[in-house]
Amino acid sequence: MDSSNVEENLNPETKSAEEQNPLAIFHSSLPIASLSLTLFPSSTQFLKLFAHHPNKVKIPTQASSLTHLSLSSVSPFPSSRISFKSTIAANPLQSPLSIVPRRPVDPSSAAALRRAAVVWFRNDLRLHDNECLNSANDECVSVLPVYCFDPRDYGKSSSGFDKTGPFRAQFLIESVSELRKNLQARGSNLVVRVGKPEAVLVELAKEIGADAVYAHREVSHDEVKAEGKIETAMKEEGVEVKYFWGSTLYHLDDLPFKIEDLPSNYGGFKDKVQKLEIRKTIAALDQLKSLPSRGDVELGDIPSLLDLGISPTPRTSQEGKPTMVGGETEALTRLKSFAADCQARLSKGNQKGGNNSVFGANFSCKISPWLAMGSISPRSMFDELKKTISASTTTTTPRNGPGDTGLNWLMYELLWRDFFRFITKKYSSAKTQVEAGPATACTGAFA
């Protein structure tokens, strides 16, 4: 069809616009084209696209107010699919088109959302108080949650012992299953793989076209080495790796000293941090971003003990009932039960005027396995017990009496846990290990 025939089909206003701006016609050799245009906020004019001719897309003169243009084309032939994005300056008639994909510079800006991201779950198998997951949902259009069962964590050690026993492995499998259910209930899901994270994550990032990987940092030597490998592999692919801290009561960034200046004894550590403010917990999101549409990633099956090379043992329960069930739901239930028991003891102690510390059947909150898996955070434990104590404490309760016994005990235990995690991080790098002095009582953190 001759171009003059097309011109005759256009209304007078269109003709006038084209006569004033002869560069407003964008020639394309692609059979089908779609165009996405973004205006300045002050612009009140609407753009009109004319597609009467399959080989022409016409842009009115208002194109000078464009800040971003995105164009994708699809061939009618199934075997060939072409897709690219173009970006133009404020005045597209003065600047040439650039077909190099652009990634956001400022993820905090709503206009600079990342296209897709991978959230790598590690020892943070929860939705509540999860800064990593929340940040990914705030900064990205789509999010792919992933958990990797690393083969290096299973099998026999050089000494002949199981690296991961059947009880711990079963608890982990249950925790991952619970995480998947919780993600599904909020519009997302969990991709599960058995493989080395540095290989699995790179493959998935390529498949979905991810801009970033979000994860919580860990502290042991092997985990830090894995983080380094992932950062190196992702850098080669142009994918950013964003790490967060969420495994301790006190945040790493809030410490009044650099990690290399961490006191080597608990007393020195406690004196420096016990007056610090504890950050508030982060509420779980009611709705999560959907999975990326690109790549059609398979979710994968959660492995069994046999899949991990672990032989199940008949001693997995007492009287036919599991002793512990992994997962975030069970962790929060146990925490509330422990808080309620502390409240009952507190009320009873106030009535009798006694000092009921945490002894007897409930001498411990018995929540360490869930804390180790990250099914619950130290901050959420502290907050829950603090609320319980505050609701039960009266003005007549002695300062060091039953009103703060449970809270002080929990604080004491969580502080010790913080100390060992921070001291492990201090000596987890190869450089620090070489420069480390004689072993002290704190080296038990490496066990």
Protein backbone atom coordinates (compact mmCIF):
# COMPACT_ATOMS: atom_id res chain seq x y z
CA MET A 1 0.00 0.00 0.00
CA ASP A 2 1.34 3.42 -0.98
CA SER A 3 1.99 5.84 1.91
CA SER A 4 -0.11 8.55 0.21
CA ASN A 5 -3.22 6.39 0.59
CA VAL A 6 -2.59 6.10 4.28
CA GLU A 7 -2.23 9.86 4.58
CA GLU A 8 -5.65 10.36 3.00
CA ASN A 9 -7.27 8.16 5.67
CA LEU A 10 -6.02 10.30 8.50
CA ASN A 11 -8.10 13.16 9.93
CA PRO A 12 -7.04 16.80 9.34
CA GLU A 13 -5.64 17.22 12.83
CA THR A 14 -3.27 14.34 12.28
CA LYS A 15 -2.17 15.68 8.93
CA SER A 16 -1.44 19.05 10.46
CA ALA A 17 0.65 17.51 13.21
CA GLU A 18 2.67 15.49 10.76
CA GLU A 19 3.23 18.41 8.44
CA GLN A 20 4.61 20.44 11.35
CA ASN A 21 6.78 17.55 12.49
CA PRO A 22 7.92 15.30 9.62
CA LEU A 23 10.14 13.30 11.98
CA ALA A 24 7.10 12.08 13.88
CA ILE A 25 6.87 8.91 11.79
CA PHE A 26 8.81 5.94 13.14
CA HIS A 27 9.48 3.36 10.47
CA SER A 28 9.56 -0.27 11.54
CA SER A 29 10.20 -3.38 9.53
CA LEU A 30 8.45 -5.52 12.10
CA PRO A 31 4.95 -6.71 11.25
CA ILE A 32 3.36 -6.01 14.64
CA ALA A 33 4.44 -3.34 17.11
CA SER A 34 3.24 -2.09 20.46
CA LEU A 35 4.41 1.14 22.04
CA SER A 36 4.40 2.23 25.69
CA LEU A 37 4.90 5.94 26.43
CA THR A 38 5.41 7.75 29.72
CA LEU A 39 4.67 11.47 30.11
CA PHE A 40 5.91 14.11 32.50
CA PRO A 41 3.48 14.43 35.45
CA SER A 42 2.58 17.93 34.26
CA SER A 43 1.45 16.75 30.85
CA THR A 44 -2.32 16.67 30.37
CA GLN A 45 -2.36 15.61 26.74
CA PHE A 46 -3.05 12.10 25.55
CA LEU A 47 -1.06 10.44 22.79
CA LYS A 48 -2.68 8.75 19.85
CA LEU A 49 -1.12 5.85 18.01
CA PHE A 50 -1.96 5.19 14.41
CA ALA A 51 -1.42 1.67 13.10
CA HIS A 52 -3.35 1.78 9.82
CA HIS A 53 -0.24 0.68 8.02
CA PRO A 54 1.53 -2.44 9.29
CA ASN A 55 4.92 -0.90 8.61
CA LYS A 56 4.42 2.46 10.30
CA VAL A 57 3.89 3.70 13.82
CA LYS A 58 3.18 7.43 14.01
CA ILE A 59 4.01 9.56 17.03
CA PRO A 60 2.40 13.02 17.36
CA THR A 61 4.45 16.12 18.11
CA GLN A 62 3.68 15.81 21.81
CA ALA A 63 6.51 13.23 21.84
CA SER A 64 8.81 16.04 22.94
CA SER A 65 7.33 15.70 26.44
CA LEU A 66 8.19 12.01 26.74
CA THR A 67 10.62 10.78 29.35
CA HIS A 68 10.55 7.06 28.60
CA LEU A 69 9.58 4.96 25.65
CA SER A 70 9.28 1.20 25.72
CA LEU A 71 8.74 -0.72 22.49
CA SER A 72 8.32 -4.42 21.94
CA SER A 73 7.69 -6.24 18.69
CA VAL A 74 6.53 -9.74 17.93
CA SER A 75 6.86 -11.51 14.63
CA PRO A 76 3.84 -13.43 13.35
CA PHE A 77 6.11 -16.37 12.81
CA PRO A 78 6.23 -18.64 15.92
CA SER A 79 9.87 -19.46 15.42
CA SER A 80 11.04 -15.87 15.74
CA ARG A 81 10.31 -13.55 18.66
CA ILE A 82 11.96 -10.17 19.00
CA SER A 83 11.70 -8.06 22.12
CA PHE A 84 13.63 -4.95 23.14
CA LYS A 85 13.21 -1.74 25.10
CA SER A 86 14.12 1.77 24.02
CA THR A 87 14.69 4.82 26.13
CA ILE A 88 14.61 8.42 24.90
CA ALA A 89 15.48 11.69 26.52
CA ALA A 90 13.11 14.54 27.36
CA ASN A 91 13.37 15.71 23.77
CA PRO A 92 13.47 12.59 21.59
CA LEU A 93 13.94 14.60 18.41
CA GLN A 94 17.33 15.76 19.63
CA SER A 95 18.60 12.52 21.16
CA PRO A 96 18.98 9.18 19.36
CA LEU A 97 17.19 6.08 20.60
CA SER A 98 19.07 3.75 22.89
CA ILE A 99 18.12 0.08 22.82
CA VAL A 100 20.37 -0.90 25.73
CA PRO A 101 18.28 -2.23 28.65
CA ARG A 102 18.31 0.16 31.60
CA ARG A 103 18.16 -0.91 35.23
CA PRO A 104 16.89 1.33 38.01
CA VAL A 105 19.42 3.51 39.78
CA ASP A 106 17.29 4.28 42.81
CA PRO A 107 15.16 1.25 43.88
CA SER A 108 13.41 3.40 46.49
CA SER A 109 11.71 5.37 43.73
CA ALA A 110 8.38 3.98 42.58
CA ALA A 111 9.33 4.82 39.01
CA ALA A 112 12.53 2.78 39.32
CA LEU A 113 11.19 -0.57 40.46
CA ARG A 114 13.29 -3.56 39.59
CA ARG A 115 11.70 -5.91 37.09
CA ALA A 116 12.33 -9.10 39.02
CA ALA A 117 14.36 -10.32 41.97
CA VAL A 118 15.31 -13.58 43.65
CA VAL A 119 14.83 -13.86 47.41
CA TRP A 120 17.19 -16.50 48.74
CA PHE A 121 15.87 -18.01 51.96
CA ARG A 122 18.54 -19.41 54.25
CA ASN A 123 18.24 -19.57 58.05
CA ASP A 124 15.32 -17.15 57.91
CA LEU A 125 12.39 -19.45 57.15
CA ARG A 126 9.66 -17.01 58.17
CA LEU A 127 7.48 -14.20 56.83
CA HIS A 128 7.32 -12.05 59.97
CA ASP A 129 10.26 -9.79 60.86
CA ASN A 130 11.90 -10.53 57.52
CA GLU A 131 13.49 -7.36 56.19
CA CYS A 132 14.92 -9.18 53.19
CA LEU A 133 11.52 -10.37 51.93
CA ASN A 134 9.77 -7.08 52.68
CA SER A 135 12.42 -5.02 50.91
CA ALA A 136 12.23 -7.19 47.79
CA ASN A 137 8.46 -6.77 47.69
CA ASP A 138 8.78 -3.00 48.08
CA GLU A 139 11.44 -2.59 45.42
CA CYS A 140 10.52 -5.11 42.71
CA VAL A 141 7.68 -5.78 40.29
CA SER A 142 7.92 -9.54 40.79
CA VAL A 143 9.72 -11.73 43.33
CA LEU A 144 10.95 -15.33 43.14
CA PRO A 145 11.46 -16.90 46.62
CA VAL A 146 14.01 -19.73 46.55
CA TYR A 147 15.38 -22.28 49.00
CA CYS A 148 18.37 -24.50 48.21
CA PHE A 149 19.19 -27.78 49.92
CA ASP A 150 22.97 -27.60 49.59
CA PRO A 151 24.43 -31.12 49.12
CA ARG A 152 27.55 -30.02 51.00
CA ASP A 153 25.47 -29.84 54.19
CA TYR A 154 24.64 -33.54 54.07
CA GLY A 155 26.47 -36.84 53.98
CA LYS A 156 29.47 -37.72 56.14
CA SER A 157 32.13 -35.41 57.44
CA SER A 158 35.84 -36.20 57.20
CA SER A 159 35.56 -37.65 60.72
CA GLY A 160 32.79 -40.01 59.68
CA PHE A 161 29.92 -38.22 61.41
CA ASP A 162 26.69 -37.06 59.80
CA LYS A 163 26.91 -33.42 58.77
CA THR A 164 23.15 -33.21 59.30
CA GLY A 165 21.36 -35.84 61.33
CA PRO A 166 17.92 -37.26 60.50
CA PHE A 167 16.13 -35.29 63.23
CA ARG A 168 17.51 -31.93 62.15
CA ALA A 169 16.98 -32.73 58.49
CA GLN A 170 13.35 -33.72 59.07
CA PHE A 171 12.79 -30.54 61.09
CA LEU A 172 14.25 -28.50 58.22
CA ILE A 173 12.07 -30.22 55.63
CA GLU A 174 8.98 -29.42 57.72
CA SER A 175 10.09 -25.81 58.10
CA VAL A 176 10.55 -25.39 54.34
CA SER A 177 7.15 -27.01 53.68
CA GLU A 178 5.52 -24.59 56.12
CA LEU A 179 7.26 -21.65 54.45
CA ARG A 180 5.91 -22.70 51.05
CA LYS A 181 2.35 -22.91 52.42
CA ASN A 182 2.60 -19.48 54.02
CA LEU A 183 3.92 -17.95 50.80
CA GLN A 184 1.13 -19.57 48.77
CA ALA A 185 -1.47 -18.13 51.15
CA ARG A 186 -0.17 -14.64 50.27
CA GLY A 187 -0.11 -14.99 46.51
CA SER A 188 3.46 -16.20 46.10
CA ASN A 189 5.24 -19.56 46.21
CA LEU A 190 8.60 -21.15 46.95
CA VAL A 191 11.02 -22.60 44.41
CA VAL A 192 12.96 -25.50 45.91
CA ARG A 193 16.17 -26.93 44.51
CA VAL A 194 18.79 -29.45 45.61
CA GLY A 195 22.10 -27.99 44.55
CA LYS A 196 24.84 -25.49 45.29
CA PRO A 197 23.37 -22.01 45.76
CA GLU A 198 26.08 -20.32 43.68
CA ALA A 199 24.99 -22.43 40.69
CA VAL A 200 21.24 -22.59 41.33
CA LEU A 201 20.75 -18.87 41.96
CA VAL A 202 22.70 -17.82 38.88
CA GLU A 203 20.64 -20.15 36.71
CA LEU A 204 17.36 -18.87 38.13
CA ALA A 205 18.44 -15.24 37.87
CA LYS A 206 19.22 -15.73 34.18
CA GLU A 207 15.95 -17.56 33.60
CA ILE A 208 13.72 -14.82 34.98
CA GLY A 209 15.93 -11.87 34.01
CA ALA A 210 16.47 -10.86 37.64
CA ASP A 211 18.00 -7.51 38.51
CA ALA A 212 18.99 -8.47 42.06
CA VAL A 213 19.25 -11.24 44.63
CA TYR A 214 18.07 -10.52 48.19
CA ALA A 215 19.35 -12.56 51.14
CA HIS A 216 20.21 -12.47 54.83
CA ARG A 217 23.87 -12.72 55.77
CA GLU A 218 25.19 -15.61 57.82
CA VAL A 219 28.28 -15.84 60.02
CA SER A 220 30.06 -19.18 59.75
CA HIS A 221 33.13 -19.62 57.57
CA ASP A 222 31.50 -21.92 54.97
CA GLU A 223 28.43 -19.70 54.68
CA VAL A 224 30.56 -16.58 54.21
CA LYS A 225 32.56 -18.40 51.51
CA ALA A 226 29.32 -19.29 49.73
CA GLU A 227 28.25 -15.64 49.83
CA GLY A 228 31.52 -14.63 48.21
CA LYS A 229 31.07 -17.16 45.40
CA ILE A 230 27.54 -15.95 44.76
CA GLU A 231 28.61 -12.30 44.65
CA THR A 232 31.34 -13.13 42.15
CA ALA A 233 29.01 -15.15 39.91
CA MET A 234 26.26 -12.53 40.03
CA LYS A 235 28.68 -9.72 39.26
CA GLU A 236 29.63 -11.45 36.03
CA GLU A 237 25.94 -11.52 35.10
CA GLY A 238 25.36 -7.90 36.07
CA VAL A 239 23.02 -8.86 38.92
CA GLU A 240 23.19 -7.00 42.23
CA VAL A 241 23.33 -8.94 45.50
CA LYS A 242 21.68 -7.22 48.46
CA TYR A 243 22.38 -8.62 51.91
CA PHE A 244 20.46 -7.94 55.12
CA TRP A 245 21.00 -8.69 58.80
CA GLY A 246 18.26 -10.37 60.81
CA SER A 247 19.60 -13.18 62.99
CA THR A 248 20.36 -11.35 66.25
CA LEU A 249 18.55 -9.33 68.89
CA TYR A 250 20.77 -6.31 68.32
CA HIS A 251 21.33 -5.27 64.73
CA LEU A 252 24.87 -5.44 63.41
CA ASP A 253 24.74 -1.82 62.23
CA ASP A 254 23.69 -0.63 65.69
CA LEU A 255 26.74 -1.99 67.54
CA PRO A 256 28.81 0.80 69.17
CA PHE A 257 32.00 -0.67 67.68
CA LYS A 258 33.24 -2.22 64.46
CA ILE A 259 32.95 -5.98 64.29
CA GLU A 260 36.75 -6.34 64.29
CA ASP A 261 36.80 -4.44 67.61
CA LEU A 262 34.25 -6.75 69.23
CA PRO A 263 35.29 -7.60 72.83
CA SER A 264 36.58 -11.15 73.12
CA ASN A 265 34.67 -11.85 76.32
CA TYR A 266 30.97 -11.79 77.07
CA GLY A 267 31.24 -9.34 79.96
CA GLY A 268 32.85 -6.68 77.79
CA PHE A 269 30.27 -7.24 75.05
CA LYS A 270 27.33 -7.04 77.46
CA ASP A 271 28.53 -3.78 79.04
CA LYS A 272 28.71 -2.12 75.62
CA VAL A 273 25.41 -3.27 74.12
CA GLN A 274 22.88 -3.78 76.92
CA LYS A 275 21.78 -0.14 76.82
CA LEU A 276 21.28 -0.08 73.06
CA GLU A 277 17.79 0.24 71.64
CA ILE A 278 16.41 -2.92 70.05
CA ARG A 279 14.88 -2.38 66.63
CA LYS A 280 11.16 -2.97 66.22
CA THR A 281 9.95 -6.14 64.58
CA ILE A 282 8.67 -6.01 61.01
CA ALA A 283 5.12 -7.21 60.44
CA ALA A 284 4.48 -9.93 57.88
CA LEU A 285 2.96 -8.71 54.62
CA ASP A 286 -0.64 -9.71 53.91
CA GLN A 287 -0.01 -9.90 50.17
CA LEU A 288 3.22 -10.64 48.33
CA LYS A 289 4.32 -9.84 44.80
CA SER A 290 3.58 -12.53 42.24
CA LEU A 291 6.21 -14.79 40.71
CA PRO A 292 7.95 -13.54 37.54
CA SER A 293 6.09 -14.46 34.36
CA ARG A 294 9.29 -14.84 32.39
CA GLY A 295 11.08 -18.16 32.38
CA ASP A 296 8.20 -20.40 33.46
CA VAL A 297 10.27 -21.67 36.41
CA GLU A 298 9.30 -25.02 37.87
CA LEU A 299 8.66 -24.92 41.61
CA GLY A 300 10.37 -28.22 42.34
CA ASP A 301 9.59 -30.84 44.97
CA ILE A 302 10.70 -30.65 48.57
CA PRO A 303 13.15 -33.55 49.05
CA SER A 304 12.72 -36.39 51.49
CA LEU A 305 15.38 -37.69 53.85
CA LEU A 306 16.31 -40.37 51.34
CA ASP A 307 16.65 -37.73 48.62
CA LEU A 308 19.21 -36.01 50.84
CA GLY A 309 21.09 -39.24 51.41
CA ILE A 310 19.90 -39.62 55.00
CA SER A 311 18.51 -42.87 56.33
CA PRO A 312 15.39 -42.39 58.47
CA THR A 313 15.60 -43.77 61.98
CA PRO A 314 12.75 -45.45 63.89
CA ARG A 315 13.52 -43.16 66.81
CA THR A 316 11.81 -40.17 65.22
CA SER A 317 8.93 -39.91 67.68
CA GLN A 318 7.78 -40.76 71.17
CA GLU A 319 4.68 -42.93 71.43
CA GLY A 320 3.96 -42.38 67.74
CA LYS A 321 3.80 -38.58 67.99
CA PRO A 322 6.47 -36.23 66.65
CA THR A 323 8.38 -34.51 69.44
CA MET A 324 8.81 -31.31 67.44
CA VAL A 325 7.23 -29.98 64.28
CA GLY A 326 9.15 -27.46 62.22
CA GLY A 327 7.74 -24.26 60.81
CA GLU A 328 6.83 -20.66 61.57
CA THR A 329 3.30 -21.45 62.78
CA GLU A 330 4.52 -23.88 65.41
CA ALA A 331 7.24 -21.44 66.50
CA LEU A 332 4.78 -18.59 67.08
CA THR A 333 2.37 -20.93 68.87
CA ARG A 334 5.09 -22.07 71.26
CA LEU A 335 6.18 -18.50 71.88
CA LYS A 336 2.67 -17.41 72.81
CA SER A 337 2.30 -20.47 75.04
CA PHE A 338 5.53 -19.66 76.84
CA ALA A 339 4.51 -16.01 77.24
CA ALA A 340 1.13 -17.08 78.65
CA ASP A 341 2.85 -19.39 81.12
CA CYS A 342 5.13 -16.57 82.24
CA GLN A 343 2.09 -14.35 82.70
CA ALA A 344 0.35 -17.01 84.80
CA ARG A 345 3.43 -17.48 86.97
CA LEU A 346 3.74 -13.73 87.27
CA SER A 347 0.17 -13.32 88.50
CA LYS A 348 0.58 -16.20 90.91
CA GLY A 349 3.82 -14.74 92.23
CA ASN A 350 2.22 -11.34 92.76
CA GLN A 351 -0.60 -12.88 94.78
CA LYS A 352 1.74 -14.86 97.02
CA GLY A 353 4.49 -12.27 97.07
CA GLY A 354 7.01 -14.88 96.01
CA ASN A 355 9.68 -14.83 93.39
CA ASN A 356 8.85 -17.40 90.72
CA SER A 357 11.72 -17.70 88.33
CA VAL A 358 11.61 -19.85 85.23
CA PHE A 359 12.09 -23.27 86.83
CA GLY A 360 10.29 -26.57 86.82
CA ALA A 361 8.72 -28.06 83.71
CA ASN A 362 9.00 -24.73 81.89
CA PHE A 363 12.57 -23.96 82.88
CA SER A 364 13.15 -23.05 79.21
CA CYS A 365 11.07 -21.72 76.37
CA LYS A 366 12.25 -24.75 74.36
CA ILE A 367 12.24 -22.71 71.18
CA SER A 368 15.90 -22.99 70.18
CA PRO A 369 15.32 -25.30 67.15
CA TRP A 370 12.93 -22.79 65.57
CA LEU A 371 15.27 -19.94 66.38
CA ALA A 372 18.15 -21.77 64.70
CA MET A 373 16.09 -22.31 61.52
CA GLY A 374 14.94 -18.71 61.53
CA SER A 375 11.29 -19.73 61.85
CA ILE A 376 11.15 -17.05 64.53
CA SER A 377 13.39 -14.04 65.16
CA PRO A 378 15.05 -13.02 68.45
CA ARG A 379 13.35 -9.64 68.27
CA SER A 380 9.87 -11.14 67.97
CA MET A 381 10.60 -13.34 71.00
CA PHE A 382 11.70 -10.34 73.03
CA ASP A 383 8.73 -8.24 71.91
CA GLU A 384 6.15 -10.91 72.73
CA LEU A 385 7.48 -11.51 76.23
CA LYS A 386 7.92 -7.79 76.83
CA LYS A 387 4.26 -7.17 75.96
CA THR A 388 3.19 -9.98 78.27
CA ILE A 389 5.29 -8.70 81.16
CA SER A 390 4.11 -5.11 80.61
CA ALA A 391 0.47 -6.19 80.68
CA SER A 392 0.93 -8.17 83.90
CA THR A 393 3.24 -5.87 85.83
CA THR A 394 1.69 -3.51 88.36
CA THR A 395 3.19 -0.50 90.09
CA THR A 396 3.53 -2.57 93.27
CA THR A 397 5.61 -5.27 91.60
CA PRO A 398 9.20 -5.29 92.91
CA ARG A 399 11.80 -4.17 90.37
CA ASN A 400 13.70 -7.44 90.56
CA GLY A 401 10.74 -9.59 91.49
CA PRO A 402 8.53 -11.76 89.31
CA GLY A 403 7.56 -8.77 87.20
CA ASP A 404 10.74 -8.96 85.14
CA THR A 405 12.15 -12.40 85.90
CA GLY A 406 11.08 -14.02 82.62
CA LEU A 407 12.13 -11.05 80.51
CA ASN A 408 15.53 -10.76 82.19
CA TRP A 409 16.15 -14.46 81.76
CA LEU A 410 15.27 -14.37 78.07
CA MET A 411 17.36 -11.24 77.56
CA TYR A 412 20.31 -12.97 79.21
CA GLU A 413 20.02 -15.99 76.91
CA LEU A 414 19.55 -13.92 73.74
CA LEU A 415 22.54 -11.75 74.63
CA TRP A 416 24.72 -14.82 74.89
CA ARG A 417 23.41 -15.97 71.52
CA ASP A 418 24.19 -12.56 69.99
CA PHE A 419 27.69 -12.65 71.41
CA PHE A 420 28.50 -16.04 69.87
CA ARG A 421 27.10 -15.05 66.47
CA PHE A 422 29.03 -11.79 66.41
CA ILE A 423 32.26 -13.43 67.59
CA THR A 424 31.84 -16.07 64.89
CA LYS A 425 31.38 -13.37 62.27
CA LYS A 426 34.48 -11.60 63.56
CA TYR A 427 36.64 -14.66 62.95
CA SER A 428 34.81 -16.15 59.96
CA SER A 429 36.93 -14.51 57.25
CA ALA A 430 40.15 -16.20 56.18
CA LYS A 431 42.19 -13.06 56.91
CA THR A 432 40.89 -12.78 60.46
CA GLN A 433 41.52 -16.48 61.12
CA VAL A 434 45.18 -16.11 60.17
CA GLU A 435 45.62 -13.02 62.34
CA ALA A 436 43.66 -14.45 65.30
CA GLY A 437 45.52 -14.77 68.56
CA PRO A 438 45.51 -17.68 71.00
CA ALA A 439 42.24 -19.54 71.44
CA THR A 440 39.96 -18.38 74.25
CA ALA A 441 36.80 -19.68 75.80
CA CYS A 442 34.90 -17.96 73.00
CA THR A 443 36.19 -20.33 70.34
CA GLY A 444 33.27 -22.58 71.15
CA ALA A 445 31.34 -20.37 68.74
CA PHE A 446 32.91 -22.24 65.88
CA ALA A 447 31.48 -25.60 66.92
